[in-house]
Amino acid sequence: MLEGRPAETPEDLMRSRYTAFALGDARHLADTWFPATRPDDLMLAAGTSWTRLEVLGAETDPDGRTGRVRFRAHWREAGTGETGVLVEDSRFVRRSGRWYYVRAL
């Protein structure tokens, strides 16, 4: 997906976005963020290493136009060694055959 192939499901898109965060690929994050909710400037935290993704649940609405993914993303801060977990329930929308991240709840 990072090479431009559209994600088939919201979970596929979530996984590619996690990889983009881990690699520092702001362009992929911007390209897969729904334009109406995308921030003007994507600031990726330098020194934060994303170490593991756990998908807790994923679903697509019967109409195939919206979905959600619940996950835990583990991180480590390079300078301090501090670790943590981001827990998120993300919303996705499908437009013109492509899935986009909309927002976290």
PDB file of N, CA and C in Angstrom:
ATOM      1  N   MET A   1       0.798  -1.182   0.000  1.00  0.00           N
ATOM      2  CA  MET A   1       0.000   0.000   0.000  1.00  0.00           C
ATOM      3  C   MET A   1       0.856   1.269   0.000  1.00  0.00           C
ATOM      4  N   LEU A   2       2.007   1.217   0.625  1.00  0.00           N
ATOM      5  CA  LEU A   2       2.857   2.399   0.626  1.00  0.00           C
ATOM      6  C   LEU A   2       3.300   2.775  -0.781  1.00  0.00           C
ATOM      7  N   GLU A   3       3.280   1.800  -1.675  1.00  0.00           N
ATOM      8  CA  GLU A   3       3.685   2.086  -3.054  1.00  0.00           C
ATOM      9  C   GLU A   3       2.528   2.605  -3.899  1.00  0.00           C
ATOM     10  N   GLY A   4       1.376   2.876  -3.285  1.00  0.00           N
ATOM     11  CA  GLY A   4       0.278   3.497  -4.017  1.00  0.00           C
ATOM     12  C   GLY A   4      -0.902   2.600  -4.323  1.00  0.00           C
ATOM     13  N   ARG A   5      -0.779   1.308  -4.094  1.00  0.00           N
ATOM     14  CA  ARG A   5      -1.904   0.397  -4.340  1.00  0.00           C
ATOM     15  C   ARG A   5      -2.975   0.671  -3.277  1.00  0.00           C
ATOM     16  N   PRO A   6      -4.251   0.827  -3.666  1.00  0.00           N
ATOM     17  CA  PRO A   6      -5.290   1.119  -2.675  1.00  0.00           C
ATOM     18  C   PRO A   6      -5.510  -0.027  -1.696  1.00  0.00           C
ATOM     19  N   ALA A   7      -5.798   0.324  -0.459  1.00  0.00           N
ATOM     20  CA  ALA A   7      -6.115  -0.665   0.570  1.00  0.00           C
ATOM     21  C   ALA A   7      -7.482  -1.269   0.267  1.00  0.00           C
ATOM     22  N   GLU A   8      -7.613  -2.555   0.515  1.00  0.00           N
ATOM     23  CA  GLU A   8      -8.890  -3.224   0.269  1.00  0.00           C
ATOM     24  C   GLU A   8      -9.854  -3.088   1.438  1.00  0.00           C
ATOM     25  N   THR A   9      -9.334  -2.887   2.651  1.00  0.00           N
ATOM     26  CA  THR A   9     -10.172  -2.790   3.847  1.00  0.00           C
ATOM     27  C   THR A   9      -9.641  -1.670   4.746  1.00  0.00           C
ATOM     28  N   PRO A  10     -10.463  -1.218   5.703  1.00  0.00           N
ATOM     29  CA  PRO A  10      -9.949  -0.243   6.671  1.00  0.00           C
ATOM     30  C   PRO A  10      -8.750  -0.794   7.452  1.00  0.00           C
ATOM     31  N   GLU A  11      -8.782  -2.085   7.778  1.00  0.00           N
ATOM     32  CA  GLU A  11      -7.646  -2.667   8.500  1.00  0.00           C
ATOM     33  C   GLU A  11      -6.376  -2.625   7.661  1.00  0.00           C
ATOM     34  N   ASP A  12      -6.475  -2.919   6.381  1.00  0.00           N
ATOM     35  CA  ASP A  12      -5.303  -2.820   5.503  1.00  0.00           C
ATOM     36  C   ASP A  12      -4.735  -1.401   5.519  1.00  0.00           C
ATOM     37  N   LEU A  13      -5.629  -0.418   5.464  1.00  0.00           N
ATOM     38  CA  LEU A  13      -5.169   0.963   5.469  1.00  0.00           C
ATOM     39  C   LEU A  13      -4.532   1.312   6.813  1.00  0.00           C
ATOM     40  N   MET A  14      -5.124   0.855   7.908  1.00  0.00           N
ATOM     41  CA  MET A  14      -4.546   1.120   9.228  1.00  0.00           C
ATOM     42  C   MET A  14      -3.144   0.548   9.319  1.00  0.00           C
ATOM     43  N   ARG A  15      -2.970  -0.669   8.833  1.00  0.00           N
ATOM     44  CA  ARG A  15      -1.649  -1.290   8.880  1.00  0.00           C
ATOM     45  C   ARG A  15      -0.632  -0.518   8.029  1.00  0.00           C
ATOM     46  N   SER A  16      -1.050  -0.043   6.860  1.00  0.00           N
ATOM     47  CA  SER A  16      -0.116   0.717   6.023  1.00  0.00           C
ATOM     48  C   SER A  16       0.210   2.065   6.663  1.00  0.00           C
ATOM     49  N   ARG A  17      -0.765   2.667   7.338  1.00  0.00           N
ATOM     50  CA  ARG A  17      -0.506   3.937   8.015  1.00  0.00           C
ATOM     51  C   ARG A  17       0.424   3.743   9.213  1.00  0.00           C
ATOM     52  N   TYR A  18       0.276   2.650   9.937  1.00  0.00           N
ATOM     53  CA  TYR A  18       1.196   2.346  11.029  1.00  0.00           C
ATOM     54  C   TYR A  18       2.622   2.226  10.475  1.00  0.00           C
ATOM     55  N   THR A  19       2.769   1.505   9.377  1.00  0.00           N
ATOM     56  CA  THR A  19       4.082   1.359   8.742  1.00  0.00           C
ATOM     57  C   THR A  19       4.627   2.715   8.331  1.00  0.00           C
ATOM     58  N   ALA A  20       3.770   3.574   7.801  1.00  0.00           N
ATOM     59  CA  ALA A  20       4.203   4.921   7.406  1.00  0.00           C
ATOM     60  C   ALA A  20       4.687   5.713   8.618  1.00  0.00           C
ATOM     61  N   PHE A  21       3.977   5.613   9.747  1.00  0.00           N
ATOM     62  CA  PHE A  21       4.453   6.273  10.968  1.00  0.00           C
ATOM     63  C   PHE A  21       5.817   5.715  11.361  1.00  0.00           C
ATOM     64  N   ALA A  22       5.969   4.384  11.321  1.00  0.00           N
ATOM     65  CA  ALA A  22       7.227   3.750  11.710  1.00  0.00           C
ATOM     66  C   ALA A  22       8.382   4.175  10.805  1.00  0.00           C
ATOM     67  N   LEU A  23       8.099   4.383   9.522  1.00  0.00           N
ATOM     68  CA  LEU A  23       9.135   4.760   8.555  1.00  0.00           C
ATOM     69  C   LEU A  23       9.290   6.269   8.390  1.00  0.00           C
ATOM     70  N   GLY A  24       8.388   7.039   8.987  1.00  0.00           N
ATOM     71  CA  GLY A  24       8.438   8.489   8.829  1.00  0.00           C
ATOM     72  C   GLY A  24       7.942   8.952   7.472  1.00  0.00           C
ATOM     73  N   ASP A  25       7.022   8.221   6.870  1.00  0.00           N
ATOM     74  CA  ASP A  25       6.512   8.532   5.531  1.00  0.00           C
ATOM     75  C   ASP A  25       5.285   9.450   5.625  1.00  0.00           C
ATOM     76  N   ALA A  26       5.532  10.749   5.799  1.00  0.00           N
ATOM     77  CA  ALA A  26       4.450  11.725   5.943  1.00  0.00           C
ATOM     78  C   ALA A  26       3.594  11.820   4.682  1.00  0.00           C
ATOM     79  N   ARG A  27       4.192  11.586   3.543  1.00  0.00           N
ATOM     80  CA  ARG A  27       3.424  11.676   2.291  1.00  0.00           C
ATOM     81  C   ARG A  27       2.313  10.617   2.251  1.00  0.00           C
ATOM     82  N   HIS A  28       2.632   9.373   2.625  1.00  0.00           N
ATOM     83  CA  HIS A  28       1.611   8.328   2.635  1.00  0.00           C
ATOM     84  C   HIS A  28       0.511   8.683   3.637  1.00  0.00           C
ATOM     85  N   LEU A  29       0.897   9.204   4.786  1.00  0.00           N
ATOM     86  CA  LEU A  29      -0.101   9.594   5.780  1.00  0.00           C
ATOM     87  C   LEU A  29      -1.021  10.672   5.237  1.00  0.00           C
ATOM     88  N   ALA A  30      -0.469  11.674   4.587  1.00  0.00           N
ATOM     89  CA  ALA A  30      -1.285  12.742   4.007  1.00  0.00           C
ATOM     90  C   ALA A  30      -2.182  12.213   2.890  1.00  0.00           C
ATOM     91  N   ASP A  31      -1.632  11.359   2.041  1.00  0.00           N
ATOM     92  CA  ASP A  31      -2.404  10.829   0.907  1.00  0.00           C
ATOM     93  C   ASP A  31      -3.563   9.941   1.340  1.00  0.00           C
ATOM     94  N   THR A  32      -3.472   9.350   2.523  1.00  0.00           N
ATOM     95  CA  THR A  32      -4.508   8.429   2.981  1.00  0.00           C
ATOM     96  C   THR A  32      -5.405   9.053   4.056  1.00  0.00           C
ATOM     97  N   TRP A  33      -5.252  10.343   4.294  1.00  0.00           N
ATOM     98  CA  TRP A  33      -6.065  11.060   5.277  1.00  0.00           C
ATOM     99  C   TRP A  33      -7.173  11.778   4.533  1.00  0.00           C
ATOM    100  N   PHE A  34      -8.409  11.628   4.953  1.00  0.00           N
ATOM    101  CA  PHE A  34      -9.547  12.269   4.301  1.00  0.00           C
ATOM    102  C   PHE A  34      -9.318  13.780   4.268  1.00  0.00           C
ATOM    103  N   PRO A  35      -9.399  14.409   3.091  1.00  0.00           N
ATOM    104  CA  PRO A  35      -9.041  15.828   2.969  1.00  0.00           C
ATOM    105  C   PRO A  35      -9.762  16.759   3.947  1.00  0.00           C
ATOM    106  N   ALA A  36     -11.011  16.489   4.258  1.00  0.00           N
ATOM    107  CA  ALA A  36     -11.772  17.386   5.141  1.00  0.00           C
ATOM    108  C   ALA A  36     -11.268  17.373   6.581  1.00  0.00           C
ATOM    109  N   THR A  37     -10.553  16.335   6.991  1.00  0.00           N
ATOM    110  CA  THR A  37     -10.065  16.256   8.373  1.00  0.00           C
ATOM    111  C   THR A  37      -8.544  16.238   8.473  1.00  0.00           C
ATOM    112  N   ARG A  38      -7.854  16.254   7.344  1.00  0.00           N
ATOM    113  CA  ARG A  38      -6.390  16.206   7.339  1.00  0.00           C
ATOM    114  C   ARG A  38      -5.816  17.535   7.836  1.00  0.00           C
ATOM    115  N   PRO A  39      -4.861  17.487   8.753  1.00  0.00           N
ATOM    116  CA  PRO A  39      -4.221  18.728   9.201  1.00  0.00           C
ATOM    117  C   PRO A  39      -3.364  19.320   8.089  1.00  0.00           C
ATOM    118  N   ASP A  40      -3.168  20.620   8.155  1.00  0.00           N
ATOM    119  CA  ASP A  40      -2.348  21.299   7.146  1.00  0.00           C
ATOM    120  C   ASP A  40      -0.892  20.861   7.208  1.00  0.00           C
ATOM    121  N   ASP A  41      -0.415  20.560   8.404  1.00  0.00           N
ATOM    122  CA  ASP A  41       0.985  20.200   8.588  1.00  0.00           C
ATOM    123  C   ASP A  41       1.066  18.926   9.430  1.00  0.00           C
ATOM    124  N   LEU A  42       1.623  17.885   8.861  1.00  0.00           N
ATOM    125  CA  LEU A  42       1.794  16.633   9.592  1.00  0.00           C
ATOM    126  C   LEU A  42       3.165  16.645  10.258  1.00  0.00           C
ATOM    127  N   MET A  43       3.153  16.681  11.562  1.00  0.00           N
ATOM    128  CA  MET A  43       4.401  16.691  12.321  1.00  0.00           C
ATOM    129  C   MET A  43       4.621  15.296  12.898  1.00  0.00           C
ATOM    130  N   LEU A  44       5.628  14.600  12.409  1.00  0.00           N
ATOM    131  CA  LEU A  44       5.975  13.288  12.935  1.00  0.00           C
ATOM    132  C   LEU A  44       7.028  13.463  14.021  1.00  0.00           C
ATOM    133  N   ALA A  45       6.843  12.769  15.120  1.00  0.00           N
ATOM    134  CA  ALA A  45       7.745  12.899  16.258  1.00  0.00           C
ATOM    135  C   ALA A  45       9.083  12.236  15.953  1.00  0.00           C
ATOM    136  N   ALA A  46      10.114  13.052  15.830  1.00  0.00           N
ATOM    137  CA  ALA A  46      11.463  12.517  15.632  1.00  0.00           C
ATOM    138  C   ALA A  46      11.888  11.840  16.926  1.00  0.00           C
ATOM    139  N   GLY A  47      12.497  10.685  16.810  1.00  0.00           N
ATOM    140  CA  GLY A  47      12.967   9.980  17.992  1.00  0.00           C
ATOM    141  C   GLY A  47      11.974   8.992  18.560  1.00  0.00           C
ATOM    142  N   THR A  48      10.757   8.982  18.031  1.00  0.00           N
ATOM    143  CA  THR A  48       9.770   7.997  18.470  1.00  0.00           C
ATOM    144  C   THR A  48       9.825   6.802  17.536  1.00  0.00           C
ATOM    145  N   SER A  49      10.074   5.638  18.104  1.00  0.00           N
ATOM    146  CA  SER A  49      10.086   4.399  17.327  1.00  0.00           C
ATOM    147  C   SER A  49       8.807   3.639  17.619  1.00  0.00           C
ATOM    148  N   TRP A  50       8.095   3.297  16.567  1.00  0.00           N
ATOM    149  CA  TRP A  50       6.879   2.501  16.699  1.00  0.00           C
ATOM    150  C   TRP A  50       7.313   1.045  16.637  1.00  0.00           C
ATOM    151  N   THR A  51       7.011   0.285  17.691  1.00  0.00           N
ATOM    152  CA  THR A  51       7.593  -1.042  17.840  1.00  0.00           C
ATOM    153  C   THR A  51       6.636  -2.204  17.607  1.00  0.00           C
ATOM    154  N   ARG A  52       5.326  -1.961  17.734  1.00  0.00           N
ATOM    155  CA  ARG A  52       4.396  -3.076  17.537  1.00  0.00           C
ATOM    156  C   ARG A  52       2.983  -2.542  17.358  1.00  0.00           C
ATOM    157  N   LEU A  53       2.229  -3.201  16.495  1.00  0.00           N
ATOM    158  CA  LEU A  53       0.822  -2.873  16.274  1.00  0.00           C
ATOM    159  C   LEU A  53      -0.019  -4.083  16.631  1.00  0.00           C
ATOM    160  N   GLU A  54      -1.046  -3.859  17.434  1.00  0.00           N
ATOM    161  CA  GLU A  54      -2.022  -4.897  17.757  1.00  0.00           C
ATOM    162  C   GLU A  54      -3.395  -4.402  17.291  1.00  0.00           C
ATOM    163  N   VAL A  55      -3.975  -5.070  16.324  1.00  0.00           N
ATOM    164  CA  VAL A  55      -5.329  -4.735  15.893  1.00  0.00           C
ATOM    165  C   VAL A  55      -6.295  -5.477  16.813  1.00  0.00           C
ATOM    166  N   LEU A  56      -7.142  -4.724  17.506  1.00  0.00           N
ATOM    167  CA  LEU A  56      -8.070  -5.287  18.476  1.00  0.00           C
ATOM    168  C   LEU A  56      -9.412  -5.639  17.844  1.00  0.00           C
ATOM    169  N   GLY A  57      -9.720  -4.992  16.751  1.00  0.00           N
ATOM    170  CA  GLY A  57     -10.968  -5.260  16.052  1.00  0.00           C
ATOM    171  C   GLY A  57     -11.073  -4.374  14.827  1.00  0.00           C
ATOM    172  N   ALA A  58     -11.736  -4.869  13.812  1.00  0.00           N
ATOM    173  CA  ALA A  58     -11.929  -4.099  12.586  1.00  0.00           C
ATOM    174  C   ALA A  58     -13.260  -4.492  11.978  1.00  0.00           C
ATOM    175  N   GLU A  59     -13.945  -3.502  11.441  1.00  0.00           N
ATOM    176  CA  GLU A  59     -15.227  -3.795  10.798  1.00  0.00           C
ATOM    177  C   GLU A  59     -15.504  -2.786   9.701  1.00  0.00           C
ATOM    178  N   THR A  60     -16.267  -3.247   8.746  1.00  0.00           N
ATOM    179  CA  THR A  60     -16.733  -2.406   7.656  1.00  0.00           C
ATOM    180  C   THR A  60     -18.248  -2.434   7.694  1.00  0.00           C
ATOM    181  N   ASP A  61     -18.877  -1.269   7.613  1.00  0.00           N
ATOM    182  CA  ASP A  61     -20.327  -1.211   7.609  1.00  0.00           C
ATOM    183  C   ASP A  61     -20.877  -1.950   6.393  1.00  0.00           C
ATOM    184  N   PRO A  62     -22.104  -2.475   6.490  1.00  0.00           N
ATOM    185  CA  PRO A  62     -22.689  -3.240   5.382  1.00  0.00           C
ATOM    186  C   PRO A  62     -22.718  -2.500   4.049  1.00  0.00           C
ATOM    187  N   ASP A  63     -22.801  -1.170   4.103  1.00  0.00           N
ATOM    188  CA  ASP A  63     -22.823  -0.410   2.855  1.00  0.00           C
ATOM    189  C   ASP A  63     -21.451  -0.319   2.192  1.00  0.00           C
ATOM    190  N   GLY A  64     -20.399  -0.734   2.904  1.00  0.00           N
ATOM    191  CA  GLY A  64     -19.045  -0.715   2.346  1.00  0.00           C
ATOM    192  C   GLY A  64     -18.443   0.664   2.214  1.00  0.00           C
ATOM    193  N   ARG A  65     -19.047   1.661   2.838  1.00  0.00           N
ATOM    194  CA  ARG A  65     -18.564   3.039   2.703  1.00  0.00           C
ATOM    195  C   ARG A  65     -17.839   3.569   3.933  1.00  0.00           C
ATOM    196  N   THR A  66     -18.052   2.926   5.076  1.00  0.00           N
ATOM    197  CA  THR A  66     -17.393   3.367   6.302  1.00  0.00           C
ATOM    198  C   THR A  66     -16.877   2.163   7.073  1.00  0.00           C
ATOM    199  N   GLY A  67     -15.912   2.404   7.916  1.00  0.00           N
ATOM    200  CA  GLY A  67     -15.356   1.334   8.728  1.00  0.00           C
ATOM    201  C   GLY A  67     -14.658   1.891   9.938  1.00  0.00           C
ATOM    202  N   ARG A  68     -14.234   0.986  10.797  1.00  0.00           N
ATOM    203  CA  ARG A  68     -13.485   1.381  11.992  1.00  0.00           C
ATOM    204  C   ARG A  68     -12.470   0.309  12.330  1.00  0.00           C
ATOM    205  N   VAL A  69     -11.397   0.744  12.974  1.00  0.00           N
ATOM    206  CA  VAL A  69     -10.350  -0.164  13.430  1.00  0.00           C
ATOM    207  C   VAL A  69      -9.947   0.267  14.835  1.00  0.00           C
ATOM    208  N   ARG A  70      -9.959  -0.682  15.753  1.00  0.00           N
ATOM    209  CA  ARG A  70      -9.498  -0.448  17.113  1.00  0.00           C
ATOM    210  C   ARG A  70      -8.126  -1.102  17.246  1.00  0.00           C
ATOM    211  N   PHE A  71      -7.176  -0.365  17.786  1.00  0.00           N
ATOM    212  CA  PHE A  71      -5.811  -0.899  17.845  1.00  0.00           C
ATOM    213  C   PHE A  71      -5.035  -0.325  19.017  1.00  0.00           C
ATOM    214  N   ARG A  72      -3.904  -0.995  19.282  1.00  0.00           N
ATOM    215  CA  ARG A  72      -2.883  -0.507  20.211  1.00  0.00           C
ATOM    216  C   ARG A  72      -1.581  -0.424  19.425  1.00  0.00           C
ATOM    217  N   ALA A  73      -0.928   0.726  19.487  1.00  0.00           N
ATOM    218  CA  ALA A  73       0.370   0.915  18.839  1.00  0.00           C
ATOM    219  C   ALA A  73       1.405   1.209  19.931  1.00  0.00           C
ATOM    220  N   HIS A  74       2.416   0.375  19.997  1.00  0.00           N
ATOM    221  CA  HIS A  74       3.461   0.502  21.024  1.00  0.00           C
ATOM    222  C   HIS A  74       4.610   1.354  20.489  1.00  0.00           C
ATOM    223  N   TRP A  75       5.169   2.180  21.350  1.00  0.00           N
ATOM    224  CA  TRP A  75       6.257   3.068  20.946  1.00  0.00           C
ATOM    225  C   TRP A  75       7.359   3.121  21.998  1.00  0.00           C
ATOM    226  N   ARG A  76       8.514   3.587  21.537  1.00  0.00           N
ATOM    227  CA  ARG A  76       9.671   3.797  22.426  1.00  0.00           C
ATOM    228  C   ARG A  76      10.314   5.127  22.020  1.00  0.00           C
ATOM    229  N   GLU A  77      10.674   5.905  23.032  1.00  0.00           N
ATOM    230  CA  GLU A  77      11.332   7.189  22.801  1.00  0.00           C
ATOM    231  C   GLU A  77      12.839   6.972  22.821  1.00  0.00           C
ATOM    232  N   ALA A  78      13.504   7.362  21.734  1.00  0.00           N
ATOM    233  CA  ALA A  78      14.934   7.089  21.579  1.00  0.00           C
ATOM    234  C   ALA A  78      15.790   7.727  22.671  1.00  0.00           C
ATOM    235  N   GLY A  79      15.544   8.968  22.986  1.00  0.00           N
ATOM    236  CA  GLY A  79      16.406   9.671  23.934  1.00  0.00           C
ATOM    237  C   GLY A  79      16.299   9.187  25.362  1.00  0.00           C
ATOM    238  N   THR A  80      15.116   8.777  25.779  1.00  0.00           N
ATOM    239  CA  THR A  80      14.888   8.424  27.176  1.00  0.00           C
ATOM    240  C   THR A  80      14.655   6.938  27.408  1.00  0.00           C
ATOM    241  N   GLY A  81      14.323   6.218  26.353  1.00  0.00           N
ATOM    242  CA  GLY A  81      13.982   4.807  26.504  1.00  0.00           C
ATOM    243  C   GLY A  81      12.569   4.598  27.021  1.00  0.00           C
ATOM    244  N   GLU A  82      11.867   5.706  27.241  1.00  0.00           N
ATOM    245  CA  GLU A  82      10.483   5.625  27.710  1.00  0.00           C
ATOM    246  C   GLU A  82       9.645   4.858  26.684  1.00  0.00           C
ATOM    247  N   THR A  83       8.702   4.059  27.168  1.00  0.00           N
ATOM    248  CA  THR A  83       7.815   3.307  26.288  1.00  0.00           C
ATOM    249  C   THR A  83       6.373   3.661  26.610  1.00  0.00           C
ATOM    250  N   GLY A  84       5.507   3.389  25.665  1.00  0.00           N
ATOM    251  CA  GLY A  84       4.092   3.659  25.872  1.00  0.00           C
ATOM    252  C   GLY A  84       3.242   2.958  24.838  1.00  0.00           C
ATOM    253  N   VAL A  85       1.950   3.136  25.007  1.00  0.00           N
ATOM    254  CA  VAL A  85       0.992   2.518  24.104  1.00  0.00           C
ATOM    255  C   VAL A  85      -0.062   3.549  23.740  1.00  0.00           C
ATOM    256  N   LEU A  86      -0.299   3.705  22.462  1.00  0.00           N
ATOM    257  CA  LEU A  86      -1.385   4.536  21.953  1.00  0.00           C
ATOM    258  C   LEU A  86      -2.555   3.607  21.666  1.00  0.00           C
ATOM    259  N   VAL A  87      -3.698   3.863  22.285  1.00  0.00           N
ATOM    260  CA  VAL A  87      -4.905   3.082  22.033  1.00  0.00           C
ATOM    261  C   VAL A  87      -5.859   3.988  21.276  1.00  0.00           C
ATOM    262  N   GLU A  88      -6.371   3.483  20.145  1.00  0.00           N
ATOM    263  CA  GLU A  88      -7.211   4.331  19.305  1.00  0.00           C
ATOM    264  C   GLU A  88      -8.342   3.526  18.680  1.00  0.00           C
ATOM    265  N   ASP A  89      -9.458   4.201  18.468  1.00  0.00           N
ATOM    266  CA  ASP A  89     -10.600   3.677  17.722  1.00  0.00           C
ATOM    267  C   ASP A  89     -10.743   4.610  16.530  1.00  0.00           C
ATOM    268  N   SER A  90     -10.269   4.168  15.376  1.00  0.00           N
ATOM    269  CA  SER A  90     -10.192   5.020  14.188  1.00  0.00           C
ATOM    270  C   SER A  90     -11.379   4.812  13.262  1.00  0.00           C
ATOM    271  N   ARG A  91     -11.799   5.887  12.632  1.00  0.00           N
ATOM    272  CA  ARG A  91     -12.875   5.853  11.647  1.00  0.00           C
ATOM    273  C   ARG A  91     -12.292   6.028  10.251  1.00  0.00           C
ATOM    274  N   PHE A  92     -12.902   5.322   9.293  1.00  0.00           N
ATOM    275  CA  PHE A  92     -12.464   5.356   7.899  1.00  0.00           C
ATOM    276  C   PHE A  92     -13.669   5.546   6.990  1.00  0.00           C
ATOM    277  N   VAL A  93     -13.421   6.114   5.815  1.00  0.00           N
ATOM    278  CA  VAL A  93     -14.474   6.303   4.827  1.00  0.00           C
ATOM    279  C   VAL A  93     -13.931   5.886   3.462  1.00  0.00           C
ATOM    280  N   ARG A  94     -14.813   5.369   2.619  1.00  0.00           N
ATOM    281  CA  ARG A  94     -14.411   4.961   1.276  1.00  0.00           C
ATOM    282  C   ARG A  94     -15.036   5.912   0.263  1.00  0.00           C
ATOM    283  N   ARG A  95     -14.171   6.498  -0.569  1.00  0.00           N
ATOM    284  CA  ARG A  95     -14.605   7.429  -1.612  1.00  0.00           C
ATOM    285  C   ARG A  95     -13.890   7.087  -2.912  1.00  0.00           C
ATOM    286  N   SER A  96     -14.648   7.013  -3.973  1.00  0.00           N
ATOM    287  CA  SER A  96     -14.081   6.717  -5.305  1.00  0.00           C
ATOM    288  C   SER A  96     -13.188   5.483  -5.268  1.00  0.00           C
ATOM    289  N   GLY A  97     -13.615   4.466  -4.521  1.00  0.00           N
ATOM    290  CA  GLY A  97     -12.895   3.197  -4.481  1.00  0.00           C
ATOM    291  C   GLY A  97     -11.673   3.164  -3.593  1.00  0.00           C
ATOM    292  N   ARG A  98     -11.433   4.218  -2.825  1.00  0.00           N
ATOM    293  CA  ARG A  98     -10.257   4.275  -1.944  1.00  0.00           C
ATOM    294  C   ARG A  98     -10.689   4.522  -0.506  1.00  0.00           C
ATOM    295  N   TRP A  99     -10.002   3.842   0.431  1.00  0.00           N
ATOM    296  CA  TRP A  99     -10.240   4.065   1.850  1.00  0.00           C
ATOM    297  C   TRP A  99      -9.385   5.220   2.339  1.00  0.00           C
ATOM    298  N   TYR A 100      -9.941   6.033   3.248  1.00  0.00           N
ATOM    299  CA  TYR A 100      -9.235   7.153   3.864  1.00  0.00           C
ATOM    300  C   TYR A 100      -9.461   7.122   5.369  1.00  0.00           C
ATOM    301  N   TYR A 101      -8.424   7.478   6.107  1.00  0.00           N
ATOM    302  CA  TYR A 101      -8.540   7.681   7.544  1.00  0.00           C
ATOM    303  C   TYR A 101      -9.281   9.000   7.754  1.00  0.00           C
ATOM    304  N   VAL A 102     -10.270   9.005   8.656  1.00  0.00           N
ATOM    305  CA  VAL A 102     -11.036  10.229   8.927  1.00  0.00           C
ATOM    306  C   VAL A 102     -10.614  10.846  10.250  1.00  0.00           C
ATOM    307  N   ARG A 103     -10.727  10.057  11.334  1.00  0.00           N
ATOM    308  CA  ARG A 103     -10.399  10.597  12.655  1.00  0.00           C
ATOM    309  C   ARG A 103     -10.412   9.474  13.685  1.00  0.00           C
ATOM    310  N   ALA A 104      -9.899   9.807  14.846  1.00  0.00           N
ATOM    311  CA  ALA A 104      -9.944   8.876  15.985  1.00  0.00           C
ATOM    312  C   ALA A 104     -11.061   9.308  16.914  1.00  0.00           C
ATOM    313  N   LEU A 105     -11.679   8.337  17.533  1.00  0.00           N
ATOM    314  CA  LEU A 105     -12.701   8.635  18.543  1.00  0.00           C
ATOM    315  C   LEU A 105     -12.120   8.459  19.922  1.00  0.00           C
TER     316      LEU A 105
END
